[in-house]
Amino acid sequence: MAKIAISLPDEMLQAIEAERQASGETRSEFFRRAVQTFLRQRQERKKEAQYIRGYQRYPETADELALAKATLRSAFADSPWENDVKQ
């Protein structure tokens, strides 16, 4: 485990202190959780962007879209709202 020192504006430190005290965390726990959350969100955004690029590169074909629509119609055929669904 490594120790680090960081500089923060006073207002930010006050907000962090209030937040961490309310949650009962130590400063180390607070920052560790904050960094984990940041890294996880960044990884999720990268995966999302990769998915979008892949989808844009290889969108569904007309046949795949027709199959998806037919599957949905079949899956909801016995539903009470079937008459509200546009074919």
PDB file of N, CA and C in Angstrom:
ATOM      1  N   MET A   1       0.859  -1.167   0.000  1.00  0.00           N
ATOM      2  CA  MET A   1       0.000   0.000   0.000  1.00  0.00           C
ATOM      3  C   MET A   1       0.900   1.224   0.000  1.00  0.00           C
ATOM      4  N   ALA A   2       0.516   2.233  -0.800  1.00  0.00           N
ATOM      5  CA  ALA A   2       1.303   3.459  -0.901  1.00  0.00           C
ATOM      6  C   ALA A   2       0.542   4.614  -0.272  1.00  0.00           C
ATOM      7  N   LYS A   3       1.286   5.565   0.255  1.00  0.00           N
ATOM      8  CA  LYS A   3       0.694   6.783   0.784  1.00  0.00           C
ATOM      9  C   LYS A   3       0.989   7.891  -0.213  1.00  0.00           C
ATOM     10  N   ILE A   4      -0.007   8.797  -0.378  1.00  0.00           N
ATOM     11  CA  ILE A   4       0.176   9.926  -1.282  1.00  0.00           C
ATOM     12  C   ILE A   4      -0.263  11.204  -0.574  1.00  0.00           C
ATOM     13  N   ALA A   5       0.229  12.318  -1.075  1.00  0.00           N
ATOM     14  CA  ALA A   5      -0.191  13.620  -0.566  1.00  0.00           C
ATOM     15  C   ALA A   5      -0.782  14.381  -1.741  1.00  0.00           C
ATOM     16  N   ILE A   6      -1.918  15.017  -1.521  1.00  0.00           N
ATOM     17  CA  ILE A   6      -2.547  15.799  -2.585  1.00  0.00           C
ATOM     18  C   ILE A   6      -2.917  17.171  -2.047  1.00  0.00           C
ATOM     19  N   SER A   7      -3.020  18.123  -2.959  1.00  0.00           N
ATOM     20  CA  SER A   7      -3.444  19.478  -2.596  1.00  0.00           C
ATOM     21  C   SER A   7      -4.870  19.666  -3.079  1.00  0.00           C
ATOM     22  N   LEU A   8      -5.700  20.237  -2.213  1.00  0.00           N
ATOM     23  CA  LEU A   8      -7.100  20.497  -2.537  1.00  0.00           C
ATOM     24  C   LEU A   8      -7.470  21.908  -2.124  1.00  0.00           C
ATOM     25  N   PRO A   9      -8.375  22.532  -2.869  1.00  0.00           N
ATOM     26  CA  PRO A   9      -8.889  23.829  -2.418  1.00  0.00           C
ATOM     27  C   PRO A   9      -9.618  23.643  -1.084  1.00  0.00           C
ATOM     28  N   ASP A  10      -9.576  24.648  -0.236  1.00  0.00           N
ATOM     29  CA  ASP A  10     -10.198  24.556   1.090  1.00  0.00           C
ATOM     30  C   ASP A  10     -11.673  24.182   1.020  1.00  0.00           C
ATOM     31  N   GLU A  11     -12.403  24.783   0.071  1.00  0.00           N
ATOM     32  CA  GLU A  11     -13.838  24.504  -0.038  1.00  0.00           C
ATOM     33  C   GLU A  11     -14.090  23.031  -0.360  1.00  0.00           C
ATOM     34  N   MET A  12     -13.261  22.477  -1.241  1.00  0.00           N
ATOM     35  CA  MET A  12     -13.418  21.071  -1.613  1.00  0.00           C
ATOM     36  C   MET A  12     -13.131  20.176  -0.416  1.00  0.00           C
ATOM     37  N   LEU A  13     -12.084  20.484   0.340  1.00  0.00           N
ATOM     38  CA  LEU A  13     -11.750  19.692   1.516  1.00  0.00           C
ATOM     39  C   LEU A  13     -12.886  19.744   2.541  1.00  0.00           C
ATOM     40  N   GLN A  14     -13.478  20.915   2.716  1.00  0.00           N
ATOM     41  CA  GLN A  14     -14.597  21.037   3.656  1.00  0.00           C
ATOM     42  C   GLN A  14     -15.773  20.163   3.215  1.00  0.00           C
ATOM     43  N   ALA A  15     -16.069  20.164   1.924  1.00  0.00           N
ATOM     44  CA  ALA A  15     -17.170  19.346   1.409  1.00  0.00           C
ATOM     45  C   ALA A  15     -16.860  17.862   1.573  1.00  0.00           C
ATOM     46  N   ILE A  16     -15.619  17.494   1.328  1.00  0.00           N
ATOM     47  CA  ILE A  16     -15.197  16.091   1.487  1.00  0.00           C
ATOM     48  C   ILE A  16     -15.299  15.675   2.946  1.00  0.00           C
ATOM     49  N   GLU A  17     -14.832  16.523   3.821  1.00  0.00           N
ATOM     50  CA  GLU A  17     -14.875  16.215   5.245  1.00  0.00           C
ATOM     51  C   GLU A  17     -16.313  16.017   5.726  1.00  0.00           C
ATOM     52  N   ALA A  18     -17.207  16.880   5.293  1.00  0.00           N
ATOM     53  CA  ALA A  18     -18.617  16.744   5.691  1.00  0.00           C
ATOM     54  C   ALA A  18     -19.190  15.438   5.166  1.00  0.00           C
ATOM     55  N   GLU A  19     -18.898  15.117   3.932  1.00  0.00           N
ATOM     56  CA  GLU A  19     -19.411  13.898   3.303  1.00  0.00           C
ATOM     57  C   GLU A  19     -18.858  12.645   3.976  1.00  0.00           C
ATOM     58  N   ARG A  20     -17.575  12.621   4.198  1.00  0.00           N
ATOM     59  CA  ARG A  20     -16.966  11.413   4.770  1.00  0.00           C
ATOM     60  C   ARG A  20     -17.365  11.225   6.236  1.00  0.00           C
ATOM     61  N   GLN A  21     -17.511  12.318   6.965  1.00  0.00           N
ATOM     62  CA  GLN A  21     -17.947  12.210   8.356  1.00  0.00           C
ATOM     63  C   GLN A  21     -19.387  11.698   8.436  1.00  0.00           C
ATOM     64  N   ALA A  22     -20.217  12.145   7.510  1.00  0.00           N
ATOM     65  CA  ALA A  22     -21.609  11.687   7.487  1.00  0.00           C
ATOM     66  C   ALA A  22     -21.687  10.188   7.189  1.00  0.00           C
ATOM     67  N   SER A  23     -20.746   9.698   6.393  1.00  0.00           N
ATOM     68  CA  SER A  23     -20.754   8.273   6.045  1.00  0.00           C
ATOM     69  C   SER A  23     -19.930   7.433   7.018  1.00  0.00           C
ATOM     70  N   GLY A  24     -19.170   8.095   7.882  1.00  0.00           N
ATOM     71  CA  GLY A  24     -18.349   7.376   8.860  1.00  0.00           C
ATOM     72  C   GLY A  24     -17.068   6.809   8.279  1.00  0.00           C
ATOM     73  N   GLU A  25     -16.671   7.291   7.117  1.00  0.00           N
ATOM     74  CA  GLU A  25     -15.450   6.801   6.479  1.00  0.00           C
ATOM     75  C   GLU A  25     -14.220   7.588   6.939  1.00  0.00           C
ATOM     76  N   THR A  26     -13.089   6.945   6.845  1.00  0.00           N
ATOM     77  CA  THR A  26     -11.835   7.663   7.031  1.00  0.00           C
ATOM     78  C   THR A  26     -11.532   8.397   5.729  1.00  0.00           C
ATOM     79  N   ARG A  27     -10.577   9.296   5.755  1.00  0.00           N
ATOM     80  CA  ARG A  27     -10.179   9.971   4.517  1.00  0.00           C
ATOM     81  C   ARG A  27      -9.687   8.960   3.496  1.00  0.00           C
ATOM     82  N   SER A  28      -8.890   8.012   3.958  1.00  0.00           N
ATOM     83  CA  SER A  28      -8.366   6.996   3.032  1.00  0.00           C
ATOM     84  C   SER A  28      -9.505   6.211   2.384  1.00  0.00           C
ATOM     85  N   GLU A  29     -10.483   5.805   3.182  1.00  0.00           N
ATOM     86  CA  GLU A  29     -11.620   5.058   2.639  1.00  0.00           C
ATOM     87  C   GLU A  29     -12.401   5.910   1.642  1.00  0.00           C
ATOM     88  N   PHE A  30     -12.614   7.174   1.992  1.00  0.00           N
ATOM     89  CA  PHE A  30     -13.356   8.076   1.121  1.00  0.00           C
ATOM     90  C   PHE A  30     -12.669   8.201  -0.240  1.00  0.00           C
ATOM     91  N   PHE A  31     -11.368   8.499  -0.221  1.00  0.00           N
ATOM     92  CA  PHE A  31     -10.658   8.691  -1.482  1.00  0.00           C
ATOM     93  C   PHE A  31     -10.504   7.384  -2.256  1.00  0.00           C
ATOM     94  N   ARG A  32     -10.298   6.284  -1.558  1.00  0.00           N
ATOM     95  CA  ARG A  32     -10.188   4.991  -2.220  1.00  0.00           C
ATOM     96  C   ARG A  32     -11.500   4.686  -2.963  1.00  0.00           C
ATOM     97  N   ARG A  33     -12.627   4.903  -2.275  1.00  0.00           N
ATOM     98  CA  ARG A  33     -13.927   4.655  -2.894  1.00  0.00           C
ATOM     99  C   ARG A  33     -14.163   5.606  -4.067  1.00  0.00           C
ATOM    100  N   ALA A  34     -13.796   6.861  -3.898  1.00  0.00           N
ATOM    101  CA  ALA A  34     -13.979   7.844  -4.967  1.00  0.00           C
ATOM    102  C   ALA A  34     -13.171   7.464  -6.206  1.00  0.00           C
ATOM    103  N   VAL A  35     -11.942   7.046  -6.006  1.00  0.00           N
ATOM    104  CA  VAL A  35     -11.093   6.668  -7.135  1.00  0.00           C
ATOM    105  C   VAL A  35     -11.612   5.382  -7.782  1.00  0.00           C
ATOM    106  N   GLN A  36     -12.043   4.417  -6.978  1.00  0.00           N
ATOM    107  CA  GLN A  36     -12.610   3.184  -7.536  1.00  0.00           C
ATOM    108  C   GLN A  36     -13.833   3.498  -8.386  1.00  0.00           C
ATOM    109  N   THR A  37     -14.687   4.364  -7.890  1.00  0.00           N
ATOM    110  CA  THR A  37     -15.887   4.759  -8.636  1.00  0.00           C
ATOM    111  C   THR A  37     -15.503   5.440  -9.937  1.00  0.00           C
ATOM    112  N   PHE A  38     -14.558   6.358  -9.872  1.00  0.00           N
ATOM    113  CA  PHE A  38     -14.098   7.060 -11.066  1.00  0.00           C
ATOM    114  C   PHE A  38     -13.544   6.084 -12.092  1.00  0.00           C
ATOM    115  N   LEU A  39     -12.672   5.171 -11.662  1.00  0.00           N
ATOM    116  CA  LEU A  39     -12.065   4.218 -12.589  1.00  0.00           C
ATOM    117  C   LEU A  39     -13.105   3.273 -13.187  1.00  0.00           C
ATOM    118  N   ARG A  40     -14.054   2.831 -12.376  1.00  0.00           N
ATOM    119  CA  ARG A  40     -15.104   1.934 -12.871  1.00  0.00           C
ATOM    120  C   ARG A  40     -15.963   2.664 -13.910  1.00  0.00           C
ATOM    121  N   GLN A  41     -16.340   3.908 -13.628  1.00  0.00           N
ATOM    122  CA  GLN A  41     -17.147   4.675 -14.573  1.00  0.00           C
ATOM    123  C   GLN A  41     -16.389   4.938 -15.870  1.00  0.00           C
ATOM    124  N   ARG A  42     -15.113   5.216 -15.757  1.00  0.00           N
ATOM    125  CA  ARG A  42     -14.299   5.445 -16.954  1.00  0.00           C
ATOM    126  C   ARG A  42     -14.239   4.178 -17.803  1.00  0.00           C
ATOM    127  N   GLN A  43     -14.060   3.027 -17.151  1.00  0.00           N
ATOM    128  CA  GLN A  43     -14.024   1.745 -17.867  1.00  0.00           C
ATOM    129  C   GLN A  43     -15.372   1.469 -18.541  1.00  0.00           C
ATOM    130  N   GLU A  44     -16.466   1.772 -17.843  1.00  0.00           N
ATOM    131  CA  GLU A  44     -17.801   1.578 -18.419  1.00  0.00           C
ATOM    132  C   GLU A  44     -18.000   2.466 -19.647  1.00  0.00           C
ATOM    133  N   ARG A  45     -17.536   3.712 -19.561  1.00  0.00           N
ATOM    134  CA  ARG A  45     -17.647   4.620 -20.713  1.00  0.00           C
ATOM    135  C   ARG A  45     -16.834   4.106 -21.895  1.00  0.00           C
ATOM    136  N   LYS A  46     -15.649   3.564 -21.620  1.00  0.00           N
ATOM    137  CA  LYS A  46     -14.826   3.007 -22.702  1.00  0.00           C
ATOM    138  C   LYS A  46     -15.536   1.828 -23.359  1.00  0.00           C
ATOM    139  N   LYS A  47     -16.118   0.948 -22.542  1.00  0.00           N
ATOM    140  CA  LYS A  47     -16.830  -0.204 -23.094  1.00  0.00           C
ATOM    141  C   LYS A  47     -18.053   0.238 -23.885  1.00  0.00           C
ATOM    142  N   GLU A  48     -18.757   1.248 -23.386  1.00  0.00           N
ATOM    143  CA  GLU A  48     -19.919   1.793 -24.084  1.00  0.00           C
ATOM    144  C   GLU A  48     -19.514   2.356 -25.440  1.00  0.00           C
ATOM    145  N   ALA A  49     -18.439   3.117 -25.466  1.00  0.00           N
ATOM    146  CA  ALA A  49     -17.956   3.702 -26.719  1.00  0.00           C
ATOM    147  C   ALA A  49     -17.534   2.603 -27.691  1.00  0.00           C
ATOM    148  N   GLN A  50     -16.903   1.558 -27.180  1.00  0.00           N
ATOM    149  CA  GLN A  50     -16.488   0.432 -28.014  1.00  0.00           C
ATOM    150  C   GLN A  50     -17.712  -0.267 -28.601  1.00  0.00           C
ATOM    151  N   TYR A  51     -18.748  -0.457 -27.774  1.00  0.00           N
ATOM    152  CA  TYR A  51     -19.978  -1.088 -28.236  1.00  0.00           C
ATOM    153  C   TYR A  51     -20.618  -0.248 -29.344  1.00  0.00           C
ATOM    154  N   ILE A  52     -20.687   1.066 -29.130  1.00  0.00           N
ATOM    155  CA  ILE A  52     -21.300   1.958 -30.116  1.00  0.00           C
ATOM    156  C   ILE A  52     -20.521   1.922 -31.426  1.00  0.00           C
ATOM    157  N   ARG A  53     -19.189   1.970 -31.338  1.00  0.00           N
ATOM    158  CA  ARG A  53     -18.372   1.898 -32.560  1.00  0.00           C
ATOM    159  C   ARG A  53     -18.628   0.589 -33.296  1.00  0.00           C
ATOM    160  N   GLY A  54     -18.707  -0.508 -32.558  1.00  0.00           N
ATOM    161  CA  GLY A  54     -18.970  -1.808 -33.175  1.00  0.00           C
ATOM    162  C   GLY A  54     -20.340  -1.845 -33.823  1.00  0.00           C
ATOM    163  N   TYR A  55     -21.325  -1.292 -33.138  1.00  0.00           N
ATOM    164  CA  TYR A  55     -22.679  -1.268 -33.680  1.00  0.00           C
ATOM    165  C   TYR A  55     -22.737  -0.411 -34.939  1.00  0.00           C
ATOM    166  N   GLN A  56     -22.046   0.729 -34.912  1.00  0.00           N
ATOM    167  CA  GLN A  56     -22.040   1.602 -36.084  1.00  0.00           C
ATOM    168  C   GLN A  56     -21.334   0.931 -37.259  1.00  0.00           C
ATOM    169  N   ARG A  57     -20.339   0.149 -36.930  1.00  0.00           N
ATOM    170  CA  ARG A  57     -19.593  -0.543 -37.987  1.00  0.00           C
ATOM    171  C   ARG A  57     -20.378  -1.722 -38.543  1.00  0.00           C
ATOM    172  N   TYR A  58     -21.118  -2.400 -37.665  1.00  0.00           N
ATOM    173  CA  TYR A  58     -21.878  -3.587 -38.065  1.00  0.00           C
ATOM    174  C   TYR A  58     -23.321  -3.485 -37.563  1.00  0.00           C
ATOM    175  N   PRO A  59     -24.121  -2.589 -38.148  1.00  0.00           N
ATOM    176  CA  PRO A  59     -25.513  -2.460 -37.686  1.00  0.00           C
ATOM    177  C   PRO A  59     -26.331  -3.696 -38.078  1.00  0.00           C
ATOM    178  N   GLU A  60     -27.533  -3.813 -37.489  1.00  0.00           N
ATOM    179  CA  GLU A  60     -28.386  -4.940 -37.828  1.00  0.00           C
ATOM    180  C   GLU A  60     -28.765  -4.885 -39.303  1.00  0.00           C
ATOM    181  N   THR A  61     -28.934  -6.069 -39.849  1.00  0.00           N
ATOM    182  CA  THR A  61     -29.416  -6.150 -41.220  1.00  0.00           C
ATOM    183  C   THR A  61     -30.939  -6.047 -41.207  1.00  0.00           C
ATOM    184  N   ALA A  62     -31.533  -5.841 -42.365  1.00  0.00           N
ATOM    185  CA  ALA A  62     -32.997  -5.784 -42.470  1.00  0.00           C
ATOM    186  C   ALA A  62     -33.610  -7.100 -42.000  1.00  0.00           C
ATOM    187  N   ASP A  63     -32.957  -8.220 -42.301  1.00  0.00           N
ATOM    188  CA  ASP A  63     -33.463  -9.531 -41.875  1.00  0.00           C
ATOM    189  C   ASP A  63     -33.442  -9.666 -40.351  1.00  0.00           C
ATOM    190  N   GLU A  64     -32.369  -9.181 -39.718  1.00  0.00           N
ATOM    191  CA  GLU A  64     -32.272  -9.247 -38.253  1.00  0.00           C
ATOM    192  C   GLU A  64     -33.347  -8.384 -37.596  1.00  0.00           C
ATOM    193  N   LEU A  65     -33.597  -7.208 -38.153  1.00  0.00           N
ATOM    194  CA  LEU A  65     -34.644  -6.341 -37.613  1.00  0.00           C
ATOM    195  C   LEU A  65     -36.018  -6.983 -37.769  1.00  0.00           C
ATOM    196  N   ALA A  66     -36.268  -7.600 -38.903  1.00  0.00           N
ATOM    197  CA  ALA A  66     -37.553  -8.267 -39.125  1.00  0.00           C
ATOM    198  C   ALA A  66     -37.742  -9.409 -38.135  1.00  0.00           C
ATOM    199  N   LEU A  67     -36.690 -10.173 -37.892  1.00  0.00           N
ATOM    200  CA  LEU A  67     -36.763 -11.276 -36.939  1.00  0.00           C
ATOM    201  C   LEU A  67     -37.033 -10.750 -35.533  1.00  0.00           C
ATOM    202  N   ALA A  68     -36.387  -9.663 -35.137  1.00  0.00           N
ATOM    203  CA  ALA A  68     -36.595  -9.084 -33.808  1.00  0.00           C
ATOM    204  C   ALA A  68     -38.036  -8.621 -33.648  1.00  0.00           C
ATOM    205  N   LYS A  69     -38.574  -7.962 -34.653  1.00  0.00           N
ATOM    206  CA  LYS A  69     -39.962  -7.498 -34.594  1.00  0.00           C
ATOM    207  C   LYS A  69     -40.926  -8.673 -34.492  1.00  0.00           C
ATOM    208  N   ALA A  70     -40.686  -9.712 -35.293  1.00  0.00           N
ATOM    209  CA  ALA A  70     -41.558 -10.892 -35.262  1.00  0.00           C
ATOM    210  C   ALA A  70     -41.490 -11.573 -33.907  1.00  0.00           C
ATOM    211  N   THR A  71     -40.309 -11.631 -33.322  1.00  0.00           N
ATOM    212  CA  THR A  71     -40.136 -12.254 -32.005  1.00  0.00           C
ATOM    213  C   THR A  71     -40.896 -11.466 -30.945  1.00  0.00           C
ATOM    214  N   LEU A  72     -40.818 -10.159 -30.995  1.00  0.00           N
ATOM    215  CA  LEU A  72     -41.546  -9.321 -30.035  1.00  0.00           C
ATOM    216  C   LEU A  72     -43.058  -9.498 -30.191  1.00  0.00           C
ATOM    217  N   ARG A  73     -43.529  -9.501 -31.425  1.00  0.00           N
ATOM    218  CA  ARG A  73     -44.967  -9.693 -31.643  1.00  0.00           C
ATOM    219  C   ARG A  73     -45.415 -11.029 -31.070  1.00  0.00           C
ATOM    220  N   SER A  74     -44.624 -12.045 -31.297  1.00  0.00           N
ATOM    221  CA  SER A  74     -44.961 -13.385 -30.799  1.00  0.00           C
ATOM    222  C   SER A  74     -44.939 -13.419 -29.274  1.00  0.00           C
ATOM    223  N   ALA A  75     -43.948 -12.798 -28.687  1.00  0.00           N
ATOM    224  CA  ALA A  75     -43.792 -12.824 -27.228  1.00  0.00           C
ATOM    225  C   ALA A  75     -44.940 -12.105 -26.526  1.00  0.00           C
ATOM    226  N   PHE A  76     -45.497 -11.078 -27.160  1.00  0.00           N
ATOM    227  CA  PHE A  76     -46.548 -10.293 -26.537  1.00  0.00           C
ATOM    228  C   PHE A  76     -47.928 -10.534 -27.150  1.00  0.00           C
ATOM    229  N   ALA A  77     -48.055 -11.578 -27.929  1.00  0.00           N
ATOM    230  CA  ALA A  77     -49.314 -11.845 -28.633  1.00  0.00           C
ATOM    231  C   ALA A  77     -50.488 -12.019 -27.678  1.00  0.00           C
ATOM    232  N   ASP A  78     -50.274 -12.615 -26.517  1.00  0.00           N
ATOM    233  CA  ASP A  78     -51.359 -12.870 -25.575  1.00  0.00           C
ATOM    234  C   ASP A  78     -51.518 -11.773 -24.530  1.00  0.00           C
ATOM    235  N   SER A  79     -50.808 -10.689 -24.680  1.00  0.00           N
ATOM    236  CA  SER A  79     -50.868  -9.607 -23.699  1.00  0.00           C
ATOM    237  C   SER A  79     -52.113  -8.775 -23.899  1.00  0.00           C
ATOM    238  N   PRO A  80     -52.684  -8.242 -22.812  1.00  0.00           N
ATOM    239  CA  PRO A  80     -53.912  -7.447 -22.921  1.00  0.00           C
ATOM    240  C   PRO A  80     -53.727  -6.167 -23.744  1.00  0.00           C
ATOM    241  N   TRP A  81     -52.554  -5.696 -23.889  1.00  0.00           N
ATOM    242  CA  TRP A  81     -52.344  -4.455 -24.631  1.00  0.00           C
ATOM    243  C   TRP A  81     -51.986  -4.710 -26.087  1.00  0.00           C
ATOM    244  N   GLU A  82     -52.144  -5.945 -26.548  1.00  0.00           N
ATOM    245  CA  GLU A  82     -51.752  -6.298 -27.918  1.00  0.00           C
ATOM    246  C   GLU A  82     -52.432  -5.424 -28.974  1.00  0.00           C
ATOM    247  N   ASN A  83     -53.646  -4.977 -28.717  1.00  0.00           N
ATOM    248  CA  ASN A  83     -54.342  -4.162 -29.704  1.00  0.00           C
ATOM    249  C   ASN A  83     -53.795  -2.738 -29.755  1.00  0.00           C
ATOM    250  N   ASP A  84     -53.060  -2.346 -28.724  1.00  0.00           N
ATOM    251  CA  ASP A  84     -52.477  -1.005 -28.694  1.00  0.00           C
ATOM    252  C   ASP A  84     -51.150  -0.937 -29.435  1.00  0.00           C
ATOM    253  N   VAL A  85     -50.570  -2.104 -29.739  1.00  0.00           N
ATOM    254  CA  VAL A  85     -49.251  -2.148 -30.387  1.00  0.00           C
ATOM    255  C   VAL A  85     -49.435  -2.031 -31.886  1.00  0.00           C
ATOM    256  N   LYS A  86     -48.728  -1.090 -32.474  1.00  0.00           N
ATOM    257  CA  LYS A  86     -48.812  -0.910 -33.933  1.00  0.00           C
ATOM    258  C   LYS A  86     -47.987  -1.977 -34.607  1.00  0.00           C
ATOM    259  N   GLN A  87     -48.537  -2.560 -35.620  1.00  0.00           N
ATOM    260  CA  GLN A  87     -47.860  -3.651 -36.349  1.00  0.00           C
ATOM    261  C   GLN A  87     -46.916  -3.075 -37.390  1.00  0.00           C
TER     262      GLN A  87
END
